[in-house]
């Protein structure tokens, strides 16, 4: 019976007071931070109004948003309040630069978070929330619902593909209003810190998709202004290209040089489409250079059963493997290039085909009774076509493994007192995409080593002992030559030859005299056979 320690009431009260004080201090610190951030944001709105970046009506709206956010950060449940505080912190980080498009993107994002988390708990997984214009806000834990340029222009492409002119117009106008002008270029910013990059930052891949989606929107809506907007979106792509091993690669994130496969492939697809729609020869030429470099480096991304997310990295997450598989199919369809056709077929098989399990040879019979250290366990050899979660069912047991592509040896230790017999081996293998297949391998034959070693012949002549035995359940025989003087003059002699092969020969020194000889052979299970050697004279 366990002991329960009864805490002293006074000590317990002190502890509870301390915990309450700590919680209050944490809440007070969070509240102070939110108030400080709100102060900076208000200062930023005032500055933007003075610089005529925003209109008075917008400034009034934004100040109201800040007031609501500050109140909600103190009254909402703790986790939801933390999201609102995070949104205020994002606004505060760029308080001195509320140009019209950036302010619109930031404050409408804040409004979307306020509206959503007033009635919703934190999402347990990634979700996209859209506003009345179709602008997408993607959930990022610890940050909130974030304006996401790649998702925005993916949604715009979808609206165009559906030939929905109203949806296309509303979303295109909303995105153009959020574009940041940089000379003759337009950039759509990510407004949250990510992967070591400070906000705001841009993505070369997202810019390429923006050019594609805007050019397609212009064609659907017959809008010449959108043609010019698409050109300015494309103008931001070349500055976001860097050199890798002598060739061009798109920057997925403007702030680092990760060589990411899906970013390159998506950029090629989008630029080819944009160049076709716009007639932009420079875009077509860039797409061809990116294509050539992607083909050159593709073998380094191809593991033979999956893809690497980035050059030199590990296996891509499942969602990115599927993304790359779809992109390769698009490239194969658009370019008719045999390299992309073969890669598309190969990657499709990686994702959609279940693993294949083959076996070069059946396992050797085992002799687990008695356990003598020899052939007690079965070694099952199998080869996997791709990495997989593998389950092996045999003898009432199930063994589970995570195995890579290639050859593997699985050891099965049968349970004690398992009856002799032939035991089927069932294998189930599921790849990282969840594709599963089942296989029957050669059975494991279980024998009991209960018989003494069958010595079929033995003789001792001219100082050499030779013998033959057939005992597959033992790796050796412990041999002794027993000598008895038939005349009873000399005492019995035992010549110990130690461990010897199951068949072979060995030199034996026989004492002078005439003897009746017997070969005694003991296997690793401790079972002994005696074989007469007849009369031996030395």
Protein backbone atom coordinates (compact mmCIF):
# COMPACT_ATOMS: atom_id res chain seq x y z
CA UNK A 1 0.00 0.00 0.00
CA UNK A 2 1.48 3.34 -1.00
CA UNK A 3 1.96 6.17 1.43
CA UNK A 4 0.23 9.49 0.94
CA UNK A 5 2.02 12.49 2.37
CA UNK A 6 -0.36 15.03 3.82
CA UNK A 7 0.99 18.50 3.16
CA UNK A 8 0.87 21.00 5.96
CA UNK A 9 -2.15 23.25 5.33
CA UNK A 10 -0.07 26.39 5.83
CA UNK A 11 2.60 25.21 3.39
CA UNK A 12 -0.06 24.24 0.84
CA UNK A 13 -1.62 27.67 1.13
CA UNK A 14 1.74 29.33 0.58
CA UNK A 15 2.35 27.17 -2.48
CA UNK A 16 -1.04 28.02 -3.96
CA UNK A 17 -0.47 31.69 -3.37
CA UNK A 18 2.94 31.46 -5.06
CA UNK A 19 1.45 29.68 -8.07
CA UNK A 20 -1.30 32.26 -8.34
CA UNK A 21 1.23 35.06 -8.08
CA UNK A 22 3.36 33.49 -10.82
CA UNK A 23 0.35 33.13 -13.11
CA UNK A 24 -0.67 36.70 -12.42
CA UNK A 25 2.86 37.90 -13.14
CA UNK A 26 2.90 36.03 -16.45
CA UNK A 27 -0.47 37.42 -17.44
CA UNK A 28 0.63 40.90 -16.38
CA UNK A 29 3.81 40.62 -18.47
CA UNK A 30 1.82 39.46 -21.51
CA UNK A 31 -0.65 42.29 -20.99
CA UNK A 32 2.17 44.82 -20.70
CA UNK A 33 3.71 43.54 -23.93
CA UNK A 34 0.38 43.78 -25.78
CA UNK A 35 -0.13 47.33 -24.48
CA UNK A 36 3.36 48.32 -25.58
CA UNK A 37 2.80 46.80 -29.03
CA UNK A 38 -0.58 48.53 -29.32
CA UNK A 39 1.10 51.85 -28.49
CA UNK A 40 3.63 51.34 -31.30
CA UNK A 41 0.91 50.36 -33.75
CA UNK A 42 -1.10 53.50 -32.95
CA UNK A 43 2.05 55.56 -33.41
CA UNK A 44 2.58 53.86 -36.76
CA UNK A 45 -0.95 54.70 -37.91
CA UNK A 46 -0.45 58.33 -36.93
CA UNK A 47 2.85 58.37 -38.84
CA UNK A 48 1.26 56.78 -41.92
CA UNK A 49 -1.53 59.34 -41.86
CA UNK A 50 0.97 62.19 -41.60
CA UNK A 51 2.91 60.77 -44.57
CA UNK A 52 -0.39 60.44 -46.48
CA UNK A 53 0.19 56.72 -46.92
CA UNK A 54 -3.29 55.99 -45.61
CA UNK A 55 -6.55 57.89 -45.76
CA UNK A 56 -8.21 59.32 -42.62
CA UNK A 57 -11.06 56.82 -42.84
CA UNK A 58 -8.59 53.94 -43.03
CA UNK A 59 -6.61 55.33 -40.11
CA UNK A 60 -9.78 55.48 -38.02
CA UNK A 61 -10.60 51.89 -38.95
CA UNK A 62 -7.10 50.69 -38.07
CA UNK A 63 -7.14 52.45 -34.67
CA UNK A 64 -10.44 50.72 -33.92
CA UNK A 65 -8.88 47.37 -34.86
CA UNK A 66 -6.06 48.00 -32.37
CA UNK A 67 -8.49 48.87 -29.59
CA UNK A 68 -10.50 45.70 -30.21
CA UNK A 69 -7.33 43.58 -30.34
CA UNK A 70 -6.03 45.01 -27.08
CA UNK A 71 -9.34 44.26 -25.36
CA UNK A 72 -9.58 40.74 -26.83
CA UNK A 73 -6.00 39.91 -25.81
CA UNK A 74 -7.08 40.36 -22.19
CA UNK A 75 -10.51 38.71 -22.23
CA UNK A 76 -10.23 35.77 -24.64
CA UNK A 77 -9.13 32.32 -23.38
CA UNK A 78 -5.36 32.25 -22.91
CA UNK A 79 -4.36 30.45 -26.15
CA UNK A 80 -6.64 32.54 -28.35
CA UNK A 81 -5.52 35.71 -26.59
CA UNK A 82 -1.92 34.78 -27.33
CA UNK A 83 -2.72 34.64 -31.06
CA UNK A 84 -4.18 38.16 -30.96
CA UNK A 85 -1.13 39.35 -29.04
CA UNK A 86 1.06 37.75 -31.70
CA UNK A 87 -0.80 39.67 -34.40
CA UNK A 88 -0.22 42.92 -32.51
CA UNK A 89 3.48 42.05 -32.25
CA UNK A 90 3.68 41.53 -36.03
CA UNK A 91 2.13 44.96 -36.58
CA UNK A 92 4.46 46.56 -34.04
CA UNK A 93 7.56 45.10 -35.72
CA UNK A 94 6.97 47.24 -38.84
CA UNK A 95 5.17 50.20 -37.22
CA UNK A 96 7.20 52.82 -39.11
CA UNK A 97 6.32 51.50 -42.59
CA UNK A 98 2.53 51.31 -42.92
CA UNK A 99 2.35 52.14 -46.60
CA UNK A 100 -1.14 51.74 -48.02
CA UNK A 101 -0.77 48.16 -49.39
CA UNK A 102 1.18 46.91 -46.38
CA UNK A 103 -1.25 48.49 -43.92
CA UNK A 104 -4.18 46.98 -45.77
CA UNK A 105 -2.61 43.52 -45.69
CA UNK A 106 -1.66 43.75 -42.00
CA UNK A 107 -4.86 45.23 -40.59
CA UNK A 108 -7.25 43.09 -42.63
CA UNK A 109 -5.24 40.10 -41.38
CA UNK A 110 -5.73 41.34 -37.80
CA UNK A 111 -9.46 41.75 -38.46
CA UNK A 112 -9.68 38.20 -39.79
CA UNK A 113 -7.97 36.83 -36.67
CA UNK A 114 -10.25 38.84 -34.39
CA UNK A 115 -13.36 37.60 -36.17
CA UNK A 116 -12.26 33.98 -36.29
CA UNK A 117 -10.94 33.54 -32.76
CA UNK A 118 -13.89 35.25 -31.18
CA UNK A 119 -15.84 32.06 -31.86
CA UNK A 120 -13.29 29.37 -32.77
CA UNK A 121 -10.66 27.47 -30.78
CA UNK A 122 -7.13 27.08 -32.13
CA UNK A 123 -7.10 24.78 -35.17
CA UNK A 124 -5.54 21.36 -34.48
CA UNK A 125 -4.02 21.23 -37.98
CA UNK A 126 -3.35 23.48 -40.95
CA UNK A 127 -6.42 25.28 -42.29
CA UNK A 128 -7.08 28.10 -44.75
CA UNK A 129 -9.69 30.76 -43.96
CA UNK A 130 -10.93 33.13 -46.65
CA UNK A 131 -12.53 36.55 -46.37
CA UNK A 132 -15.38 37.98 -48.48
CA UNK A 133 -12.98 38.76 -51.35
CA UNK A 134 -11.45 35.28 -51.36
CA UNK A 135 -8.18 36.38 -49.71
CA UNK A 136 -6.60 33.37 -48.02
CA UNK A 137 -5.30 33.34 -44.45
CA UNK A 138 -3.36 30.23 -43.50
CA UNK A 139 -3.06 29.01 -39.91
CA UNK A 140 0.43 28.91 -38.40
CA UNK A 141 0.64 27.72 -34.76
CA UNK A 142 1.90 30.42 -32.43
CA UNK A 143 1.33 33.14 -35.03
CA UNK A 144 -2.24 33.10 -36.23
CA UNK A 145 -4.06 33.24 -39.56
CA UNK A 146 -1.51 34.67 -41.97
CA UNK A 147 -1.75 36.35 -45.37
CA UNK A 148 -0.03 33.81 -47.65
CA UNK A 149 0.94 34.93 -51.17
CA UNK A 150 1.46 31.41 -52.55
CA UNK A 151 -1.96 30.35 -51.28
CA UNK A 152 -3.49 33.61 -52.58
CA UNK A 153 -2.35 33.10 -56.15
CA UNK A 154 -3.12 29.39 -55.99
CA UNK A 155 -6.70 30.43 -55.16
CA UNK A 156 -6.66 32.95 -58.01
CA UNK A 157 -5.49 30.25 -60.44
CA UNK A 158 -8.31 28.02 -59.22
CA UNK A 159 -10.88 30.78 -59.80
CA UNK A 160 -9.58 31.26 -63.35
CA UNK A 161 -9.60 27.52 -64.02
CA UNK A 162 -13.25 27.44 -62.91
CA UNK A 163 -13.94 30.35 -65.30
CA UNK A 164 -15.55 32.18 -62.39
CA UNK A 165 -15.19 35.79 -63.53
CA UNK A 166 -16.77 37.32 -60.41
CA UNK A 167 -14.54 35.39 -58.01
CA UNK A 168 -11.50 36.11 -60.19
CA UNK A 169 -12.25 39.84 -60.29
CA UNK A 170 -12.80 40.15 -56.54
CA UNK A 171 -9.66 38.28 -55.57
CA UNK A 172 -7.45 39.84 -58.24
CA UNK A 173 -8.48 43.36 -57.15
CA UNK A 174 -7.90 42.48 -53.48
CA UNK A 175 -4.42 41.13 -54.22
CA UNK A 176 -3.43 44.06 -56.42
CA UNK A 177 -4.42 46.38 -53.56
CA UNK A 178 -1.96 44.51 -51.31
CA UNK A 179 0.99 44.56 -53.75
CA UNK A 180 4.12 46.41 -52.64
CA UNK A 181 5.63 48.52 -55.46
CA UNK A 182 9.42 48.40 -55.85
CA UNK A 183 10.24 50.59 -58.80
CA UNK A 184 8.83 48.80 -61.82
CA UNK A 185 8.23 45.64 -59.83
CA UNK A 186 5.46 44.38 -57.54
CA UNK A 187 6.01 42.15 -54.53
CA UNK A 188 3.55 40.35 -52.31
CA UNK A 189 4.96 40.09 -48.82
CA UNK A 190 4.82 37.41 -46.16
CA UNK A 191 4.13 39.35 -42.98
CA UNK A 192 5.35 36.89 -40.34
CA UNK A 193 8.84 35.73 -39.28
CA UNK A 194 9.71 32.29 -40.57
CA UNK A 195 12.73 29.97 -40.54
CA UNK A 196 15.15 32.62 -39.31
CA UNK A 197 13.84 35.26 -41.72
CA UNK A 198 12.43 38.53 -40.41
CA UNK A 199 9.17 39.90 -41.75
CA UNK A 200 8.35 41.10 -44.27
CA UNK A 201 9.93 38.73 -46.79
CA UNK A 202 9.20 37.50 -50.31
CA UNK A 203 9.30 34.19 -52.18
CA UNK A 204 10.57 33.75 -55.72
CA UNK A 205 8.22 30.83 -56.24
CA UNK A 206 5.21 32.83 -55.04
CA UNK A 207 6.16 35.68 -57.38
CA UNK A 208 6.25 33.30 -60.34
CA UNK A 209 2.81 31.93 -59.45
CA UNK A 210 1.59 35.52 -59.06
CA UNK A 211 2.72 36.39 -62.60
CA UNK A 212 1.03 33.25 -63.94
CA UNK A 213 -2.26 33.79 -62.09
CA UNK A 214 -2.48 37.50 -62.96
CA UNK A 215 -1.77 36.85 -66.67
CA UNK A 216 -4.47 34.18 -66.74
CA UNK A 217 -6.87 36.51 -64.90
CA UNK A 218 -6.16 39.25 -67.44
CA UNK A 219 -7.07 36.88 -70.26
CA UNK A 220 -10.30 35.72 -68.58
CA UNK A 221 -11.40 39.26 -67.72
CA UNK A 222 -9.96 40.93 -70.85
CA UNK A 223 -8.27 43.42 -68.51
CA UNK A 224 -5.23 45.24 -69.91
CA UNK A 225 -4.39 46.70 -66.51
CA UNK A 226 -3.94 43.19 -65.15
CA UNK A 227 -1.59 42.44 -68.07
CA UNK A 228 0.69 45.21 -66.81
CA UNK A 229 0.32 43.98 -63.23
CA UNK A 230 1.39 40.47 -64.28
CA UNK A 231 4.46 41.92 -66.02
CA UNK A 232 5.44 43.80 -62.86
CA UNK A 233 4.91 40.63 -60.80
CA UNK A 234 7.24 38.74 -63.16
CA UNK A 235 9.83 41.53 -62.91
CA UNK A 236 10.36 40.50 -59.26
CA UNK A 237 11.29 36.93 -60.22
CA UNK A 238 14.79 37.35 -61.77
CA UNK A 239 16.16 39.20 -58.68
CA UNK A 240 15.10 36.18 -56.60
CA UNK A 241 17.19 33.71 -58.64
CA UNK A 242 20.63 32.63 -57.42
CA UNK A 243 23.36 30.39 -58.81
CA UNK A 244 23.78 26.77 -57.70
CA UNK A 245 26.57 24.67 -59.22
CA UNK A 246 26.77 26.89 -62.26
CA UNK A 247 23.06 27.14 -62.96
CA UNK A 248 20.03 29.20 -61.83
CA UNK A 249 17.76 28.23 -58.94
CA UNK A 250 14.78 30.09 -57.54
CA UNK A 251 14.83 31.30 -53.94
CA UNK A 252 11.93 29.82 -52.08
CA UNK A 253 12.68 32.30 -49.30
CA UNK A 254 14.38 35.56 -50.18
CA UNK A 255 16.39 35.45 -46.96
CA UNK A 256 18.24 32.14 -47.54
CA UNK A 257 19.70 29.85 -50.19
CA UNK A 258 17.91 26.54 -49.64
CA UNK A 259 17.90 24.53 -52.86
CA UNK A 260 14.30 23.25 -52.76
CA UNK A 261 13.02 20.97 -55.53
CA UNK A 262 9.32 21.84 -55.42
CA UNK A 263 10.10 25.57 -55.63
CA UNK A 264 12.13 25.12 -58.81
CA UNK A 265 9.56 22.87 -60.48
CA UNK A 266 6.62 25.12 -59.60
CA UNK A 267 8.50 28.17 -60.87
CA UNK A 268 9.22 26.45 -64.20
CA UNK A 269 5.57 25.45 -64.61
CA UNK A 270 4.32 28.94 -63.73
CA UNK A 271 6.83 30.81 -65.92
CA UNK A 272 6.14 28.59 -68.92
CA UNK A 273 2.44 29.34 -68.50
CA UNK A 274 3.07 33.05 -67.95
CA UNK A 275 5.37 33.28 -70.99
CA UNK A 276 2.78 31.55 -73.17
CA UNK A 277 0.00 33.88 -71.99
CA UNK A 278 2.05 37.08 -72.17
CA UNK A 279 4.47 36.37 -75.00
CA UNK A 280 7.33 37.40 -72.67
CA UNK A 281 10.49 36.00 -74.32
CA UNK A 282 12.65 36.78 -71.28
CA UNK A 283 10.34 34.77 -69.04
CA UNK A 284 10.42 31.86 -71.49
CA UNK A 285 14.23 31.96 -71.59
CA UNK A 286 14.47 32.02 -67.78
CA UNK A 287 12.08 29.07 -67.59
CA UNK A 288 14.30 27.10 -69.97
CA UNK A 289 17.44 27.84 -67.93
CA UNK A 290 15.68 26.82 -64.72
CA UNK A 291 14.44 23.67 -66.48
CA UNK A 292 17.95 22.68 -67.58
CA UNK A 293 19.34 23.16 -64.08
CA UNK A 294 16.48 21.20 -62.51
CA UNK A 295 17.20 18.30 -64.87
CA UNK A 296 20.91 18.47 -64.06
CA UNK A 297 20.33 18.26 -60.31
CA UNK A 298 17.28 15.95 -60.31
CA UNK A 299 19.36 12.78 -59.69
CA UNK A 300 20.58 14.31 -56.43
CA UNK A 301 16.99 14.76 -55.25
CA UNK A 302 15.90 11.26 -56.33
CA UNK A 303 16.55 8.64 -53.62
CA UNK A 304 15.31 5.79 -55.79
CA UNK A 305 12.10 5.48 -53.81
CA UNK A 306 11.20 9.05 -52.77
CA UNK A 307 12.55 12.59 -53.10
CA UNK A 308 14.62 14.92 -50.95
CA UNK A 309 12.91 18.16 -49.97
CA UNK A 310 16.13 20.13 -50.41
CA UNK A 311 19.54 19.39 -51.86
CA UNK A 312 21.54 17.35 -49.36
CA UNK A 313 18.55 17.01 -47.03
CA UNK A 314 16.41 14.15 -45.84
CA UNK A 315 13.31 12.59 -47.30
CA UNK A 316 10.60 15.09 -48.19
CA UNK A 317 7.44 15.14 -46.06
CA UNK A 318 4.55 13.27 -47.65
CA UNK A 319 2.65 16.41 -48.72
CA UNK A 320 5.70 17.70 -50.59
CA UNK A 321 6.31 14.35 -52.25
CA UNK A 322 2.78 14.48 -53.60
CA UNK A 323 3.29 18.11 -54.65
CA UNK A 324 6.48 17.23 -56.56
CA UNK A 325 4.75 14.24 -58.17
CA UNK A 326 1.97 16.49 -59.48
CA UNK A 327 4.46 19.11 -60.70
CA UNK A 328 6.44 16.50 -62.62
CA UNK A 329 3.23 15.32 -64.29
CA UNK A 330 2.49 18.92 -65.34
CA UNK A 331 6.02 19.39 -66.67
CA UNK A 332 5.83 16.13 -68.62
CA UNK A 333 2.49 17.17 -70.15
CA UNK A 334 3.59 20.70 -71.03
CA UNK A 335 7.13 20.08 -72.29
CA UNK A 336 6.84 16.53 -73.70
CA UNK A 337 10.46 16.21 -72.56
CA UNK A 338 11.43 12.52 -72.11
CA UNK A 339 13.42 13.40 -68.97
CA UNK A 340 10.33 14.81 -67.29
CA UNK A 341 8.14 12.01 -68.65
CA UNK A 342 10.40 9.36 -67.12
CA UNK A 343 10.72 11.28 -63.85
CA UNK A 344 6.94 11.71 -63.66
CA UNK A 345 6.37 7.99 -64.09
CA UNK A 346 9.07 7.15 -61.56
CA UNK A 347 7.84 9.56 -58.88
CA UNK A 348 4.23 8.51 -59.47
CA UNK A 349 5.29 4.95 -58.67
CA UNK A 350 7.16 6.10 -55.55
CA UNK A 351 3.99 7.65 -54.17
CA UNK A 352 1.16 5.50 -55.48
CA UNK A 353 2.63 2.00 -55.81
CA UNK A 354 2.91 -0.11 -52.67
CA UNK A 355 6.33 -1.42 -51.66
CA UNK A 356 7.47 -4.70 -53.18
CA UNK A 357 9.06 -7.37 -50.99
CA UNK A 358 11.21 -10.10 -52.52
CA UNK A 359 13.22 -12.95 -51.07
CA UNK A 360 16.30 -14.38 -52.73
CA UNK A 361 16.44 -17.62 -50.72
CA UNK A 362 14.35 -19.38 -48.07
CA UNK A 363 15.58 -19.27 -44.48
CA UNK A 364 17.66 -22.17 -43.22
CA UNK A 365 15.87 -24.65 -40.93
CA UNK A 366 16.36 -23.90 -37.24
CA UNK A 367 16.80 -26.07 -34.16
CA UNK A 368 15.66 -24.03 -31.16
CA UNK A 369 15.22 -27.03 -28.84
CA UNK A 370 17.36 -27.24 -26.91
CA UNK A 371 18.82 -23.75 -27.05
CA UNK A 372 22.47 -24.47 -27.63
CA UNK A 373 23.47 -21.24 -29.37
CA UNK A 374 23.39 -22.78 -32.88
CA UNK A 375 20.48 -22.28 -35.27
CA UNK A 376 18.27 -21.28 -32.36
CA UNK A 377 16.90 -18.28 -34.31
CA UNK A 378 15.71 -17.86 -37.88
CA UNK A 379 17.26 -15.30 -40.21
CA UNK A 380 14.74 -14.08 -42.76
CA UNK A 381 16.24 -12.20 -45.66
CA UNK A 382 14.10 -9.81 -47.68
CA UNK A 383 14.55 -6.91 -50.08
CA UNK A 384 12.35 -3.80 -50.13
CA UNK A 385 11.71 -1.71 -53.22
CA UNK A 386 11.27 1.43 -51.08
CA UNK A 387 11.44 2.44 -47.44
CA UNK A 388 8.46 1.17 -45.54
CA UNK A 389 6.89 0.21 -42.26
CA UNK A 390 7.16 -3.57 -42.22
CA UNK A 391 5.32 -6.14 -40.11
CA UNK A 392 6.43 -9.78 -40.11
CA UNK A 393 3.96 -12.34 -38.71
CA UNK A 394 5.30 -15.79 -37.84
CA UNK A 395 4.59 -18.38 -35.21
CA UNK A 396 1.95 -16.28 -33.48
CA UNK A 397 4.29 -13.30 -33.17
CA UNK A 398 4.34 -9.98 -35.05
CA UNK A 399 7.59 -8.08 -35.49
CA UNK A 400 7.51 -4.43 -36.64
CA UNK A 401 10.28 -2.43 -38.28
CA UNK A 402 10.97 0.80 -40.14
CA UNK A 403 13.26 -0.22 -43.00
CA UNK A 404 14.90 1.58 -45.89
CA UNK A 405 15.06 0.50 -49.49
CA UNK A 406 17.31 -2.50 -50.15
CA UNK A 407 18.27 -5.81 -48.53
CA UNK A 408 17.59 -6.58 -44.87
CA UNK A 409 17.98 -9.53 -42.51
CA UNK A 410 15.33 -10.03 -39.84
CA UNK A 411 16.00 -12.31 -36.90
CA UNK A 412 13.14 -14.27 -35.39
CA UNK A 413 13.57 -15.86 -31.97
CA UNK A 414 10.84 -18.47 -31.62
CA UNK A 415 9.04 -18.79 -28.31
CA UNK A 416 10.13 -21.48 -25.88
CA UNK A 417 8.76 -24.97 -26.51
CA UNK A 418 7.46 -24.06 -29.97
CA UNK A 419 6.44 -27.28 -31.65
CA UNK A 420 8.43 -28.56 -34.57
CA UNK A 421 6.86 -27.80 -37.93
CA UNK A 422 6.74 -25.44 -40.90
CA UNK A 423 5.70 -21.89 -40.02
CA UNK A 424 4.38 -19.50 -42.72
CA UNK A 425 5.92 -16.02 -42.93
CA UNK A 426 3.46 -13.21 -43.71
CA UNK A 427 4.88 -9.73 -44.48
CA UNK A 428 2.94 -6.48 -44.68
CA UNK A 429 4.69 -3.36 -45.96
CA UNK A 430 3.37 0.22 -46.14
CA UNK A 431 5.30 3.07 -47.73
CA UNK A 432 5.44 6.66 -46.44
CA UNK A 433 2.38 7.53 -48.52
CA UNK A 434 0.37 4.77 -46.81
CA UNK A 435 0.28 2.37 -49.78
CA UNK A 436 0.24 -1.17 -48.38
CA UNK A 437 0.83 -4.65 -49.77
CA UNK A 438 1.02 -8.13 -48.24
CA UNK A 439 3.39 -10.95 -49.17
CA UNK A 440 3.95 -14.61 -48.32
CA UNK A 441 7.58 -15.55 -47.91
CA UNK A 442 9.12 -18.99 -47.68
CA UNK A 443 8.19 -20.71 -44.40
CA UNK A 444 10.56 -21.25 -41.51
CA UNK A 445 11.11 -24.93 -40.74
CA UNK A 446 11.46 -25.56 -37.02
CA UNK A 447 13.13 -28.78 -35.85
CA UNK A 448 13.94 -30.09 -32.40
CA UNK A 449 17.46 -31.36 -31.90
CA UNK A 450 16.50 -34.42 -29.82
CA UNK A 451 18.52 -37.15 -31.50
CA UNK A 452 22.12 -38.06 -30.84
CA UNK A 453 24.46 -37.24 -33.72
CA UNK A 454 24.25 -39.92 -36.45
CA UNK A 455 27.85 -41.03 -37.02
CA UNK A 456 27.79 -43.01 -40.27
CA UNK A 457 31.43 -44.11 -40.36
CA UNK A 458 34.63 -43.83 -38.36
CA UNK A 459 38.06 -45.53 -38.31
CA UNK A 460 41.41 -45.11 -36.60
CA UNK A 461 44.36 -46.25 -38.69
CA UNK A 462 48.04 -45.31 -38.61
CA UNK A 463 47.50 -42.59 -36.05
CA UNK A 464 44.71 -40.85 -37.98
CA UNK A 465 41.07 -40.78 -36.94
CA UNK A 466 38.54 -40.09 -39.70
CA UNK A 467 34.79 -39.84 -39.23
CA UNK A 468 31.55 -38.95 -41.00
CA UNK A 469 28.38 -37.63 -39.33
CA UNK A 470 25.26 -35.79 -40.48
CA UNK A 471 23.86 -33.51 -37.78
CA UNK A 472 22.56 -30.19 -39.24
CA UNK A 473 21.48 -28.98 -35.79
CA UNK A 474 25.01 -28.73 -34.42
CA UNK A 475 28.05 -26.71 -35.52
CA UNK A 476 30.55 -29.17 -34.05
CA UNK A 477 31.04 -32.51 -32.36
CA UNK A 478 32.97 -33.02 -29.15
CA UNK A 479 35.01 -36.17 -29.90
CA UNK A 480 36.63 -38.61 -27.55
CA UNK A 481 38.36 -41.92 -28.31
CA UNK A 482 37.85 -44.47 -25.53
CA UNK A 483 40.47 -47.25 -25.33
CA UNK A 484 40.02 -50.46 -23.32
CA UNK A 485 42.68 -53.19 -22.96
CA UNK A 486 40.88 -56.50 -23.71
CA UNK A 487 43.49 -58.32 -21.63
CA UNK A 488 42.79 -56.08 -18.66
CA UNK A 489 46.48 -55.29 -18.17
CA UNK A 490 46.45 -51.58 -19.01
CA UNK A 491 43.94 -49.18 -17.48
CA UNK A 492 41.31 -47.61 -19.80
CA UNK A 493 42.46 -44.54 -21.72
CA UNK A 494 40.44 -41.49 -22.96
CA UNK A 495 41.82 -39.38 -25.79
CA UNK A 496 39.95 -36.03 -25.84
CA UNK A 497 39.99 -34.38 -29.27
CA UNK A 498 37.82 -31.41 -28.24
CA UNK A 499 35.45 -29.69 -30.71
CA UNK A 500 35.79 -30.97 -34.25
CA UNK A 501 33.78 -30.59 -37.48
CA UNK A 502 30.89 -32.98 -37.98
CA UNK A 503 32.99 -34.77 -40.60
CA UNK A 504 36.77 -34.81 -40.94
CA UNK A 505 40.01 -36.31 -39.72
CA UNK A 506 42.50 -35.69 -36.91
CA UNK A 507 45.85 -37.10 -35.74
CA UNK A 508 45.61 -39.32 -32.67
CA UNK A 509 48.47 -40.64 -30.53
CA UNK A 510 47.52 -44.11 -29.32
CA UNK A 511 49.43 -45.56 -26.35
CA UNK A 512 51.41 -48.79 -27.05
CA UNK A 513 49.41 -51.95 -26.80
CA UNK A 514 46.31 -53.59 -28.19
CA UNK A 515 43.04 -51.86 -27.55
CA UNK A 516 39.34 -52.00 -28.23
CA UNK A 517 38.43 -48.50 -29.44
CA UNK A 518 35.17 -46.54 -29.32
CA UNK A 519 34.50 -43.10 -30.79
CA UNK A 520 32.27 -40.99 -28.57
CA UNK A 521 30.65 -37.96 -30.37
CA UNK A 522 28.63 -35.34 -28.45
CA UNK A 523 26.75 -32.57 -30.24
CA UNK A 524 26.01 -29.02 -29.01
CA UNK A 525 22.71 -30.20 -27.51
CA UNK A 526 24.66 -32.54 -25.21
CA UNK A 527 23.50 -35.72 -26.96
CA UNK A 528 26.06 -38.46 -27.42
CA UNK A 529 26.64 -41.29 -29.92
CA UNK A 530 29.16 -44.12 -29.52
CA UNK A 531 30.69 -45.74 -32.63
CA UNK A 532 32.92 -48.84 -32.41
CA UNK A 533 36.43 -48.48 -33.87
CA UNK A 534 37.34 -52.15 -33.45
CA UNK A 535 40.79 -53.46 -32.44
CA UNK A 536 43.61 -50.92 -32.50
CA UNK A 537 47.27 -51.93 -32.14
CA UNK A 538 50.04 -49.44 -31.52
